[in-house]
């Protein structure tokens, strides 16, 4: 069966596996992307795991100024090599991240970076709300978990909907650039300034 380059590229972006592995999996799955993903699952996990161990200490610090100087963002985005850091795709990605931060005002990069005290405070507020609605404890707990997802989506950069396409999350963009470059890509940190605000 003929496997198209577009199908190989799509599978590579979804799994992070190598080009030849993707092509072989698609041939084995007779072109079925879901079946090929299942075939690659073990390899894909291995690829992503080994990528997670690699050092991402190159990259760029990108600045973005919006609204005639009313909002400013500095963001550090890292990758593994200076070569990738200088590519147009990587630079464009870093710029998009800076614009996202300016527009959506996240507080943290990801869920792991959330301040535990802020999380507990939010959890307590949500639990009080669910209890005030007269929900039993087990239902209230499920409601809290569901509402915490919304908290993460509003406050964690990687969980946020992309400002240019709300069907995609920032984490999807991150995974796409990592798959495209073949390197680990990390949004390390950011600072957002708004005129007249602490």
N, C-alpha and C. Protein backbone atom coordinates (compact mmCIF):
# COMPACT_ATOMS: atom_id res chain seq x y z
N UNK A 1 0.83 -1.19 0.00
CA UNK A 1 0.00 0.00 0.00
C UNK A 1 0.88 1.26 0.00
N UNK A 2 0.47 2.24 -0.81
CA UNK A 2 1.20 3.52 -0.90
C UNK A 2 0.92 4.37 0.33
N UNK A 3 1.98 4.77 1.04
CA UNK A 3 1.84 5.63 2.23
C UNK A 3 2.28 7.04 1.85
N UNK A 4 1.39 8.00 2.03
CA UNK A 4 1.71 9.38 1.63
C UNK A 4 2.63 10.06 2.64
N UNK A 5 3.39 11.02 2.15
CA UNK A 5 4.29 11.80 3.02
C UNK A 5 3.46 12.58 4.05
N UNK A 6 2.27 13.03 3.65
CA UNK A 6 1.40 13.79 4.56
C UNK A 6 0.97 12.92 5.75
N UNK A 7 0.66 11.65 5.48
CA UNK A 7 0.25 10.73 6.55
C UNK A 7 1.40 10.47 7.50
N UNK A 8 2.61 10.29 6.94
CA UNK A 8 3.80 10.07 7.76
C UNK A 8 4.06 11.29 8.65
N UNK A 9 3.94 12.47 8.04
CA UNK A 9 4.17 13.71 8.79
C UNK A 9 3.16 13.86 9.92
N UNK A 10 1.89 13.56 9.63
CA UNK A 10 0.84 13.67 10.66
C UNK A 10 1.11 12.72 11.82
N UNK A 11 1.48 11.49 11.51
CA UNK A 11 1.77 10.51 12.57
C UNK A 11 3.00 10.93 13.37
N UNK A 12 4.00 11.47 12.69
CA UNK A 12 5.21 11.93 13.37
C UNK A 12 4.89 13.05 14.35
N UNK A 13 4.02 14.00 13.92
CA UNK A 13 3.64 15.11 14.78
C UNK A 13 2.86 14.63 16.00
N UNK A 14 2.04 13.60 15.81
CA UNK A 14 1.22 13.08 16.92
C UNK A 14 2.03 12.29 17.93
N UNK A 15 3.05 11.58 17.45
CA UNK A 15 3.75 10.64 18.33
C UNK A 15 5.17 11.06 18.71
N UNK A 16 5.81 11.87 17.86
CA UNK A 16 7.20 12.22 18.11
C UNK A 16 8.16 11.13 17.67
N UNK A 17 7.64 10.07 17.04
CA UNK A 17 8.50 8.98 16.57
C UNK A 17 9.22 9.40 15.30
N UNK A 18 10.26 8.65 14.94
CA UNK A 18 11.05 8.96 13.75
C UNK A 18 10.28 8.71 12.46
N UNK A 19 10.76 9.33 11.38
CA UNK A 19 10.09 9.26 10.07
C UNK A 19 9.95 7.81 9.58
N UNK A 20 11.04 7.05 9.65
CA UNK A 20 11.00 5.67 9.14
C UNK A 20 10.11 4.78 10.01
N UNK A 21 10.14 5.02 11.33
CA UNK A 21 9.26 4.25 12.23
C UNK A 21 7.81 4.53 11.90
N UNK A 22 7.50 5.79 11.63
CA UNK A 22 6.11 6.18 11.30
C UNK A 22 5.67 5.51 10.00
N UNK A 23 6.56 5.55 9.00
CA UNK A 23 6.22 4.94 7.70
C UNK A 23 5.98 3.44 7.86
N UNK A 24 6.86 2.78 8.61
CA UNK A 24 6.72 1.34 8.82
C UNK A 24 5.42 1.01 9.56
N UNK A 25 5.10 1.82 10.57
CA UNK A 25 3.87 1.59 11.34
C UNK A 25 2.64 1.80 10.46
N UNK A 26 2.67 2.82 9.62
CA UNK A 26 1.54 3.07 8.71
C UNK A 26 1.37 1.93 7.70
N UNK A 27 2.50 1.40 7.21
CA UNK A 27 2.42 0.26 6.29
C UNK A 27 1.83 -0.95 6.98
N UNK A 28 2.29 -1.20 8.20
CA UNK A 28 1.77 -2.32 8.99
C UNK A 28 0.28 -2.16 9.28
N UNK A 29 -0.14 -0.91 9.50
CA UNK A 29 -1.54 -0.61 9.83
C UNK A 29 -2.38 -0.34 8.58
N UNK A 30 -1.78 -0.55 7.39
CA UNK A 30 -2.45 -0.33 6.11
C UNK A 30 -3.05 1.08 6.02
N UNK A 31 -2.27 2.07 6.48
CA UNK A 31 -2.67 3.46 6.34
C UNK A 31 -3.58 4.00 7.42
N UNK A 32 -3.98 3.16 8.37
CA UNK A 32 -4.89 3.59 9.45
C UNK A 32 -4.08 4.31 10.53
N UNK A 33 -4.35 5.62 10.70
CA UNK A 33 -3.56 6.43 11.64
C UNK A 33 -3.71 5.96 13.09
N UNK A 34 -4.93 5.62 13.47
CA UNK A 34 -5.14 5.17 14.87
C UNK A 34 -4.41 3.88 15.14
N UNK A 35 -4.51 2.95 14.21
CA UNK A 35 -3.82 1.66 14.38
C UNK A 35 -2.30 1.87 14.38
N UNK A 36 -1.83 2.76 13.53
CA UNK A 36 -0.39 3.05 13.48
C UNK A 36 0.08 3.70 14.78
N UNK A 37 -0.77 4.57 15.34
CA UNK A 37 -0.44 5.19 16.63
C UNK A 37 -0.32 4.13 17.71
N UNK A 38 -1.25 3.17 17.70
CA UNK A 38 -1.20 2.08 18.68
C UNK A 38 0.08 1.25 18.49
N UNK A 39 0.44 0.99 17.24
CA UNK A 39 1.67 0.23 16.95
C UNK A 39 2.89 0.98 17.48
N UNK A 40 2.86 2.30 17.33
CA UNK A 40 4.01 3.12 17.75
C UNK A 40 4.00 3.50 19.22
N UNK A 41 2.91 3.19 19.92
CA UNK A 41 2.77 3.68 21.29
C UNK A 41 4.00 3.40 22.14
N UNK A 42 4.48 2.17 22.11
CA UNK A 42 5.67 1.87 22.91
C UNK A 42 6.87 2.65 22.42
N UNK A 43 7.08 2.66 21.12
CA UNK A 43 8.22 3.41 20.57
C UNK A 43 8.04 4.90 20.85
N UNK A 44 6.84 5.39 20.68
CA UNK A 44 6.57 6.80 20.91
C UNK A 44 6.86 7.21 22.33
N UNK A 45 6.44 6.38 23.26
CA UNK A 45 6.70 6.67 24.67
C UNK A 45 8.20 6.69 24.92
N UNK A 46 8.91 5.73 24.31
CA UNK A 46 10.36 5.69 24.46
C UNK A 46 11.00 6.94 23.89
N UNK A 47 10.55 7.37 22.71
CA UNK A 47 11.10 8.56 22.08
C UNK A 47 10.87 9.78 22.96
N UNK A 48 9.63 9.96 23.42
CA UNK A 48 9.31 11.12 24.24
C UNK A 48 10.04 11.07 25.58
N UNK A 49 10.18 9.87 26.13
CA UNK A 49 10.88 9.75 27.40
C UNK A 49 12.35 10.12 27.24
N UNK A 50 12.98 9.60 26.17
CA UNK A 50 14.39 9.92 25.99
C UNK A 50 14.56 11.41 25.67
N UNK A 51 13.60 11.98 24.95
CA UNK A 51 13.67 13.41 24.66
C UNK A 51 13.57 14.21 25.94
N UNK A 52 12.74 13.76 26.88
CA UNK A 52 12.58 14.47 28.16
C UNK A 52 13.87 14.50 28.96
N UNK A 53 14.76 13.51 28.74
CA UNK A 53 16.02 13.46 29.50
C UNK A 53 17.09 14.35 28.89
N UNK A 54 16.91 14.75 27.64
CA UNK A 54 17.92 15.55 26.98
C UNK A 54 17.87 17.00 27.47
N UNK A 55 19.03 17.63 27.55
CA UNK A 55 19.12 19.00 28.06
C UNK A 55 18.64 19.98 26.99
N UNK A 56 17.77 20.89 27.41
CA UNK A 56 17.31 21.96 26.53
C UNK A 56 17.86 23.25 27.12
N UNK A 57 19.11 23.59 26.74
CA UNK A 57 19.73 24.76 27.34
C UNK A 57 20.14 25.81 26.30
N UNK A 58 19.64 25.64 25.08
CA UNK A 58 19.79 26.66 24.04
C UNK A 58 18.42 27.32 23.86
N UNK A 59 18.30 28.24 22.95
CA UNK A 59 16.99 28.83 22.70
C UNK A 59 17.05 30.33 22.54
N UNK A 60 15.99 30.98 23.02
CA UNK A 60 15.89 32.42 22.84
C UNK A 60 15.06 33.06 23.95
N UNK A 61 15.41 34.29 24.27
CA UNK A 61 14.56 35.13 25.10
C UNK A 61 13.90 36.10 24.12
N UNK A 62 12.58 36.06 24.08
CA UNK A 62 11.83 36.86 23.12
C UNK A 62 11.00 37.91 23.85
N UNK A 63 10.98 39.10 23.28
CA UNK A 63 10.19 40.20 23.85
C UNK A 63 9.03 40.53 22.92
N UNK A 64 7.92 40.92 23.51
CA UNK A 64 6.77 41.36 22.73
C UNK A 64 6.12 42.53 23.46
N UNK A 65 5.91 43.62 22.74
CA UNK A 65 5.27 44.81 23.30
C UNK A 65 3.94 45.01 22.59
N UNK A 66 2.89 45.26 23.35
CA UNK A 66 1.54 45.37 22.77
C UNK A 66 0.86 46.65 23.27
N UNK A 67 -0.08 47.13 22.49
CA UNK A 67 -0.92 48.25 22.92
C UNK A 67 -0.15 49.52 23.16
N UNK A 68 0.73 49.89 22.20
CA UNK A 68 1.53 51.11 22.31
C UNK A 68 2.31 51.19 23.63
N UNK A 69 2.84 50.05 24.01
CA UNK A 69 3.69 50.01 25.20
C UNK A 69 2.96 49.81 26.51
N UNK A 70 1.69 49.43 26.44
CA UNK A 70 0.92 49.21 27.68
C UNK A 70 1.17 47.82 28.28
N UNK A 71 1.47 46.84 27.43
CA UNK A 71 1.74 45.47 27.88
C UNK A 71 3.06 45.01 27.29
N UNK A 72 3.91 44.43 28.11
CA UNK A 72 5.18 43.89 27.64
C UNK A 72 5.40 42.49 28.18
N UNK A 73 5.99 41.63 27.35
CA UNK A 73 6.25 40.24 27.74
C UNK A 73 7.69 39.88 27.41
N UNK A 74 8.34 39.18 28.32
CA UNK A 74 9.62 38.53 28.07
C UNK A 74 9.40 37.05 28.32
N UNK A 75 9.80 36.22 27.38
CA UNK A 75 9.64 34.77 27.56
C UNK A 75 10.92 34.06 27.12
N UNK A 76 11.32 33.06 27.92
CA UNK A 76 12.47 32.22 27.57
C UNK A 76 11.96 30.88 27.08
N UNK A 77 12.31 30.56 25.82
CA UNK A 77 11.93 29.27 25.23
C UNK A 77 13.23 28.55 24.90
N UNK A 78 13.35 27.31 25.36
CA UNK A 78 14.59 26.56 25.18
C UNK A 78 14.42 25.38 24.24
N UNK A 79 15.53 25.03 23.60
CA UNK A 79 15.62 23.83 22.77
C UNK A 79 17.01 23.25 23.00
N UNK A 80 17.38 22.23 22.24
CA UNK A 80 18.64 21.55 22.51
C UNK A 80 19.84 22.11 21.76
N UNK A 81 19.60 22.76 20.62
CA UNK A 81 20.75 23.21 19.83
C UNK A 81 20.57 24.65 19.36
N UNK A 82 21.70 25.30 19.19
CA UNK A 82 21.71 26.67 18.68
C UNK A 82 21.17 26.70 17.25
N UNK A 83 21.41 25.63 16.50
CA UNK A 83 20.92 25.54 15.12
C UNK A 83 19.40 25.67 15.09
N UNK A 84 18.71 24.89 15.91
CA UNK A 84 17.23 24.95 15.95
C UNK A 84 16.77 26.30 16.48
N UNK A 85 17.47 26.83 17.48
CA UNK A 85 17.08 28.12 18.08
C UNK A 85 17.06 29.24 17.04
N UNK A 86 17.90 29.12 16.00
CA UNK A 86 17.98 30.18 14.99
C UNK A 86 17.03 29.96 13.82
N UNK A 87 16.30 28.84 13.80
CA UNK A 87 15.39 28.59 12.67
C UNK A 87 14.18 29.50 12.75
N UNK A 88 13.60 29.75 11.59
CA UNK A 88 12.41 30.61 11.50
C UNK A 88 11.24 30.00 12.28
N UNK A 89 11.08 28.68 12.18
CA UNK A 89 9.97 28.00 12.88
C UNK A 89 10.07 28.21 14.40
N UNK A 90 11.27 28.03 14.94
CA UNK A 90 11.45 28.18 16.39
C UNK A 90 11.21 29.63 16.81
N UNK A 91 11.77 30.57 16.04
CA UNK A 91 11.59 31.99 16.37
C UNK A 91 10.12 32.39 16.31
N UNK A 92 9.41 31.86 15.30
CA UNK A 92 7.98 32.15 15.17
C UNK A 92 7.20 31.58 16.35
N UNK A 93 7.58 30.37 16.76
CA UNK A 93 6.93 29.74 17.92
C UNK A 93 7.12 30.60 19.17
N UNK A 94 8.36 31.04 19.41
CA UNK A 94 8.65 31.86 20.59
C UNK A 94 7.84 33.16 20.57
N UNK A 95 7.70 33.75 19.40
CA UNK A 95 6.92 34.99 19.25
C UNK A 95 5.44 34.74 19.54
N UNK A 96 4.94 33.61 19.03
CA UNK A 96 3.53 33.26 19.28
C UNK A 96 3.28 33.06 20.78
N UNK A 97 4.23 32.45 21.45
CA UNK A 97 4.10 32.24 22.90
C UNK A 97 4.07 33.59 23.62
N UNK A 98 4.94 34.51 23.22
CA UNK A 98 4.96 35.84 23.84
C UNK A 98 3.64 36.56 23.62
N UNK A 99 3.09 36.45 22.41
CA UNK A 99 1.80 37.09 22.11
C UNK A 99 0.67 36.44 22.92
N UNK A 100 0.73 35.13 23.08
CA UNK A 100 -0.27 34.41 23.88
C UNK A 100 -0.25 34.93 25.31
N UNK A 101 0.93 35.09 25.87
CA UNK A 101 1.08 35.56 27.25
C UNK A 101 0.53 36.98 27.38
N UNK A 102 0.82 37.83 26.40
CA UNK A 102 0.30 39.20 26.43
C UNK A 102 -1.22 39.21 26.40
N UNK A 103 -1.81 38.36 25.56
CA UNK A 103 -3.26 38.37 25.38
C UNK A 103 -4.02 37.64 26.48
N UNK A 104 -3.50 36.50 26.92
CA UNK A 104 -4.26 35.63 27.83
C UNK A 104 -3.81 35.70 29.28
N UNK A 105 -2.72 36.36 29.56
CA UNK A 105 -2.24 36.61 30.91
C UNK A 105 -2.20 35.39 31.83
N UNK A 106 -1.48 34.33 31.42
CA UNK A 106 -1.35 33.18 32.32
C UNK A 106 -0.50 33.55 33.53
N UNK A 107 -0.66 32.78 34.60
CA UNK A 107 0.14 33.03 35.81
C UNK A 107 1.34 32.10 35.89
N UNK A 108 1.20 30.90 35.33
CA UNK A 108 2.26 29.88 35.40
C UNK A 108 2.45 29.23 34.04
N UNK A 109 3.60 28.58 33.85
CA UNK A 109 3.87 27.88 32.59
C UNK A 109 2.98 26.65 32.47
N UNK A 110 2.98 25.80 33.51
CA UNK A 110 2.20 24.56 33.46
C UNK A 110 1.68 24.21 34.84
N UNK A 111 0.97 23.09 34.94
CA UNK A 111 0.35 22.69 36.21
C UNK A 111 1.38 22.44 37.31
N UNK A 112 2.55 21.93 36.92
CA UNK A 112 3.59 21.65 37.92
C UNK A 112 4.12 22.94 38.56
N UNK A 113 3.99 24.05 37.84
CA UNK A 113 4.52 25.32 38.34
C UNK A 113 3.53 26.08 39.22
N UNK A 114 2.29 25.58 39.29
CA UNK A 114 1.27 26.29 40.08
C UNK A 114 1.68 26.32 41.55
N UNK A 115 1.55 27.50 42.15
CA UNK A 115 1.86 27.68 43.56
C UNK A 115 0.92 26.81 44.39
N UNK A 116 1.44 25.87 45.21
CA UNK A 116 0.58 24.98 45.98
C UNK A 116 -0.42 25.72 46.87
N UNK A 117 0.00 26.84 47.41
CA UNK A 117 -0.89 27.62 48.26
C UNK A 117 -2.08 28.18 47.46
N UNK A 118 -1.80 28.68 46.26
CA UNK A 118 -2.86 29.20 45.39
C UNK A 118 -3.81 28.09 44.97
N UNK A 119 -3.26 26.90 44.71
CA UNK A 119 -4.08 25.75 44.31
C UNK A 119 -4.99 25.31 45.45
N UNK A 120 -4.46 25.23 46.66
CA UNK A 120 -5.27 24.83 47.81
C UNK A 120 -6.36 25.85 48.10
N UNK A 121 -6.04 27.11 47.94
CA UNK A 121 -7.02 28.18 48.15
C UNK A 121 -8.16 28.04 47.14
N UNK A 122 -7.80 27.81 45.88
CA UNK A 122 -8.81 27.64 44.82
C UNK A 122 -9.65 26.39 45.08
N UNK A 123 -9.00 25.31 45.48
CA UNK A 123 -9.71 24.06 45.78
C UNK A 123 -10.72 24.27 46.90
N UNK A 124 -10.31 25.01 47.95
CA UNK A 124 -11.20 25.29 49.09
C UNK A 124 -12.40 26.11 48.66
N UNK A 125 -12.17 27.11 47.82
CA UNK A 125 -13.28 27.95 47.32
C UNK A 125 -14.26 27.11 46.52
N UNK A 126 -13.73 26.27 45.63
CA UNK A 126 -14.58 25.42 44.79
C UNK A 126 -15.36 24.40 45.62
N UNK A 127 -14.71 23.87 46.67
CA UNK A 127 -15.39 22.92 47.56
C UNK A 127 -16.52 23.61 48.31
N UNK A 128 -16.26 24.83 48.79
CA UNK A 128 -17.32 25.60 49.47
C UNK A 128 -18.50 25.86 48.54
N UNK A 129 -18.21 26.18 47.28
CA UNK A 129 -19.28 26.42 46.31
C UNK A 129 -20.11 25.16 46.09
N UNK A 130 -19.42 24.03 45.91
CA UNK A 130 -20.13 22.76 45.67
C UNK A 130 -20.96 22.36 46.88
N UNK A 131 -20.43 22.57 48.08
CA UNK A 131 -21.15 22.24 49.31
C UNK A 131 -22.36 23.15 49.46
N UNK A 132 -22.20 24.42 49.13
CA UNK A 132 -23.30 25.39 49.22
C UNK A 132 -24.43 25.02 48.25
N UNK A 133 -24.09 24.31 47.19
CA UNK A 133 -25.10 23.85 46.23
C UNK A 133 -25.80 22.59 46.73
N UNK A 134 -25.39 22.14 47.92
CA UNK A 134 -26.04 20.98 48.53
C UNK A 134 -25.61 19.63 47.98
N UNK A 135 -24.44 19.58 47.39
CA UNK A 135 -23.96 18.32 46.81
C UNK A 135 -23.32 17.44 47.88
N UNK A 136 -23.53 16.13 47.78
CA UNK A 136 -22.84 15.21 48.71
C UNK A 136 -21.33 15.27 48.48
N UNK A 137 -20.57 14.88 49.49
CA UNK A 137 -19.10 15.02 49.46
C UNK A 137 -18.47 14.39 48.23
N UNK A 138 -18.90 13.17 47.86
CA UNK A 138 -18.27 12.49 46.71
C UNK A 138 -18.55 13.22 45.39
N UNK A 139 -19.76 13.74 45.25
CA UNK A 139 -20.12 14.51 44.05
C UNK A 139 -19.39 15.85 44.06
N UNK A 140 -19.32 16.47 45.22
CA UNK A 140 -18.64 17.77 45.36
C UNK A 140 -17.18 17.64 44.93
N UNK A 141 -16.54 16.54 45.33
CA UNK A 141 -15.13 16.32 44.99
C UNK A 141 -14.95 16.23 43.47
N UNK A 142 -15.86 15.53 42.80
CA UNK A 142 -15.79 15.41 41.33
C UNK A 142 -16.01 16.77 40.67
N UNK A 143 -16.95 17.54 41.24
CA UNK A 143 -17.21 18.88 40.71
C UNK A 143 -15.97 19.77 40.84
N UNK A 144 -15.31 19.65 41.98
CA UNK A 144 -14.10 20.44 42.23
C UNK A 144 -13.03 20.10 41.19
N UNK A 145 -12.83 18.80 40.93
CA UNK A 145 -11.83 18.39 39.94
C UNK A 145 -12.15 18.94 38.56
N UNK A 146 -13.44 18.90 38.20
CA UNK A 146 -13.87 19.44 36.91
C UNK A 146 -13.63 20.93 36.82
N UNK A 147 -13.94 21.63 37.89
CA UNK A 147 -13.77 23.10 37.90
C UNK A 147 -12.30 23.50 37.99
N UNK A 148 -11.47 22.63 38.58
CA UNK A 148 -10.02 22.91 38.61
C UNK A 148 -9.43 22.87 37.20
N UNK A 149 -10.02 22.04 36.33
CA UNK A 149 -9.56 22.01 34.93
C UNK A 149 -9.70 23.40 34.31
N UNK A 150 -10.82 24.04 34.60
CA UNK A 150 -11.06 25.40 34.09
C UNK A 150 -10.03 26.37 34.68
N UNK A 151 -9.71 26.21 35.96
CA UNK A 151 -8.70 27.03 36.62
C UNK A 151 -7.35 26.89 35.89
N UNK A 152 -6.97 25.63 35.59
CA UNK A 152 -5.71 25.39 34.87
C UNK A 152 -5.76 26.01 33.47
N UNK A 153 -6.90 25.85 32.79
CA UNK A 153 -7.03 26.38 31.43
C UNK A 153 -6.92 27.91 31.40
N UNK A 154 -7.31 28.55 32.47
CA UNK A 154 -7.23 30.02 32.53
C UNK A 154 -5.85 30.50 32.97
N UNK A 155 -5.19 29.73 33.84
CA UNK A 155 -3.98 30.22 34.50
C UNK A 155 -2.66 29.57 34.08
N UNK A 156 -2.71 28.43 33.42
CA UNK A 156 -1.49 27.73 33.01
C UNK A 156 -1.31 27.86 31.49
N UNK A 157 -0.21 28.44 31.09
CA UNK A 157 0.06 28.70 29.68
C UNK A 157 -0.18 27.48 28.80
N UNK A 158 0.40 26.33 29.15
CA UNK A 158 0.30 25.15 28.29
C UNK A 158 -1.11 24.60 28.20
N UNK A 159 -1.95 24.90 29.19
CA UNK A 159 -3.35 24.45 29.18
C UNK A 159 -4.27 25.42 28.44
N UNK A 160 -3.79 26.62 28.16
CA UNK A 160 -4.65 27.64 27.55
C UNK A 160 -4.97 27.31 26.10
N UNK A 161 -6.17 27.75 25.68
CA UNK A 161 -6.54 27.66 24.26
C UNK A 161 -5.70 28.69 23.51
N UNK A 162 -5.21 28.30 22.36
CA UNK A 162 -4.38 29.16 21.52
C UNK A 162 -5.23 30.34 21.04
N UNK A 163 -4.71 31.56 21.14
CA UNK A 163 -5.50 32.74 20.80
C UNK A 163 -5.89 32.79 19.32
N UNK A 164 -5.14 32.11 18.47
CA UNK A 164 -5.46 32.12 17.03
C UNK A 164 -6.37 30.96 16.62
N UNK A 165 -6.50 29.96 17.48
CA UNK A 165 -7.32 28.78 17.16
C UNK A 165 -7.70 28.10 18.46
N UNK A 166 -8.91 28.41 18.96
CA UNK A 166 -9.29 27.93 20.30
C UNK A 166 -9.55 26.42 20.37
N UNK A 167 -9.42 25.72 19.25
CA UNK A 167 -9.54 24.26 19.28
C UNK A 167 -8.20 23.60 19.63
N UNK A 168 -7.14 24.41 19.64
CA UNK A 168 -5.81 23.89 19.98
C UNK A 168 -5.33 24.53 21.25
N UNK A 169 -4.58 23.75 22.03
CA UNK A 169 -3.96 24.26 23.25
C UNK A 169 -2.51 24.64 22.95
N UNK A 170 -1.95 25.45 23.82
CA UNK A 170 -0.54 25.84 23.65
C UNK A 170 0.35 24.60 23.71
N UNK A 171 -0.03 23.63 24.53
CA UNK A 171 0.75 22.39 24.60
C UNK A 171 0.80 21.70 23.24
N UNK A 172 -0.29 21.80 22.45
CA UNK A 172 -0.29 21.21 21.10
C UNK A 172 0.75 21.88 20.23
N UNK A 173 0.84 23.22 20.32
CA UNK A 173 1.85 23.96 19.55
C UNK A 173 3.25 23.53 19.96
N UNK A 174 3.45 23.36 21.27
CA UNK A 174 4.75 22.94 21.79
C UNK A 174 5.12 21.56 21.25
N UNK A 175 4.16 20.63 21.27
CA UNK A 175 4.42 19.28 20.75
C UNK A 175 4.71 19.30 19.25
N UNK A 176 4.01 20.18 18.53
CA UNK A 176 4.22 20.28 17.08
C UNK A 176 5.63 20.78 16.76
N UNK A 177 6.08 21.81 17.46
CA UNK A 177 7.43 22.34 17.16
C UNK A 177 8.50 21.33 17.59
N UNK A 178 8.24 20.59 18.68
CA UNK A 178 9.20 19.55 19.11
C UNK A 178 9.28 18.44 18.08
N UNK A 179 8.12 18.03 17.54
CA UNK A 179 8.12 16.98 16.52
C UNK A 179 8.79 17.46 15.24
N UNK A 180 8.52 18.71 14.88
CA UNK A 180 9.07 19.27 13.64
C UNK A 180 10.59 19.41 13.72
N UNK A 181 11.10 19.84 14.86
CA UNK A 181 12.54 20.05 15.00
C UNK A 181 13.28 18.79 15.44
N UNK A 182 12.54 17.84 16.02
CA UNK A 182 13.17 16.63 16.54
C UNK A 182 13.91 16.88 17.84
N UNK A 183 13.66 18.02 18.47
CA UNK A 183 14.34 18.37 19.72
C UNK A 183 13.33 18.62 20.82
N UNK A 184 13.81 18.52 22.03
CA UNK A 184 13.00 18.89 23.19
C UNK A 184 12.87 20.41 23.20
N UNK A 185 11.64 20.89 23.35
CA UNK A 185 11.38 22.33 23.41
C UNK A 185 10.64 22.61 24.71
N UNK A 186 11.10 23.63 25.43
CA UNK A 186 10.55 23.93 26.75
C UNK A 186 10.29 25.43 26.86
N UNK A 187 9.09 25.80 27.35
CA UNK A 187 8.87 27.19 27.74
C UNK A 187 9.37 27.27 29.18
N UNK A 188 10.51 27.91 29.39
CA UNK A 188 11.17 27.89 30.69
C UNK A 188 10.51 28.84 31.69
N UNK A 189 10.30 30.10 31.28
CA UNK A 189 9.74 31.09 32.21
C UNK A 189 9.30 32.31 31.41
N UNK A 190 8.50 33.15 32.06
CA UNK A 190 8.08 34.38 31.41
C UNK A 190 7.76 35.43 32.45
N UNK A 191 7.74 36.67 31.98
CA UNK A 191 7.30 37.80 32.81
C UNK A 191 6.39 38.65 31.95
N UNK A 192 5.26 39.05 32.53
CA UNK A 192 4.29 39.90 31.81
C UNK A 192 4.13 41.19 32.61
N UNK A 193 4.29 42.29 31.92
CA UNK A 193 4.16 43.60 32.56
C UNK A 193 2.97 44.32 31.96
N UNK A 194 2.19 44.98 32.82
CA UNK A 194 1.10 45.82 32.35
C UNK A 194 1.23 47.16 33.03
N UNK A 195 1.19 48.20 32.24
CA UNK A 195 1.41 49.54 32.74
C UNK A 195 0.50 49.85 33.94
N UNK A 196 1.13 50.30 35.03
CA UNK A 196 0.38 50.70 36.22
C UNK A 196 -0.05 49.57 37.14
N UNK A 197 0.35 48.29 36.80
CA UNK A 197 -0.02 47.15 37.66
C UNK A 197 1.22 46.48 38.22
N UNK A 198 1.05 45.94 39.45
CA UNK A 198 2.16 45.21 40.07
C UNK A 198 2.32 43.87 39.40
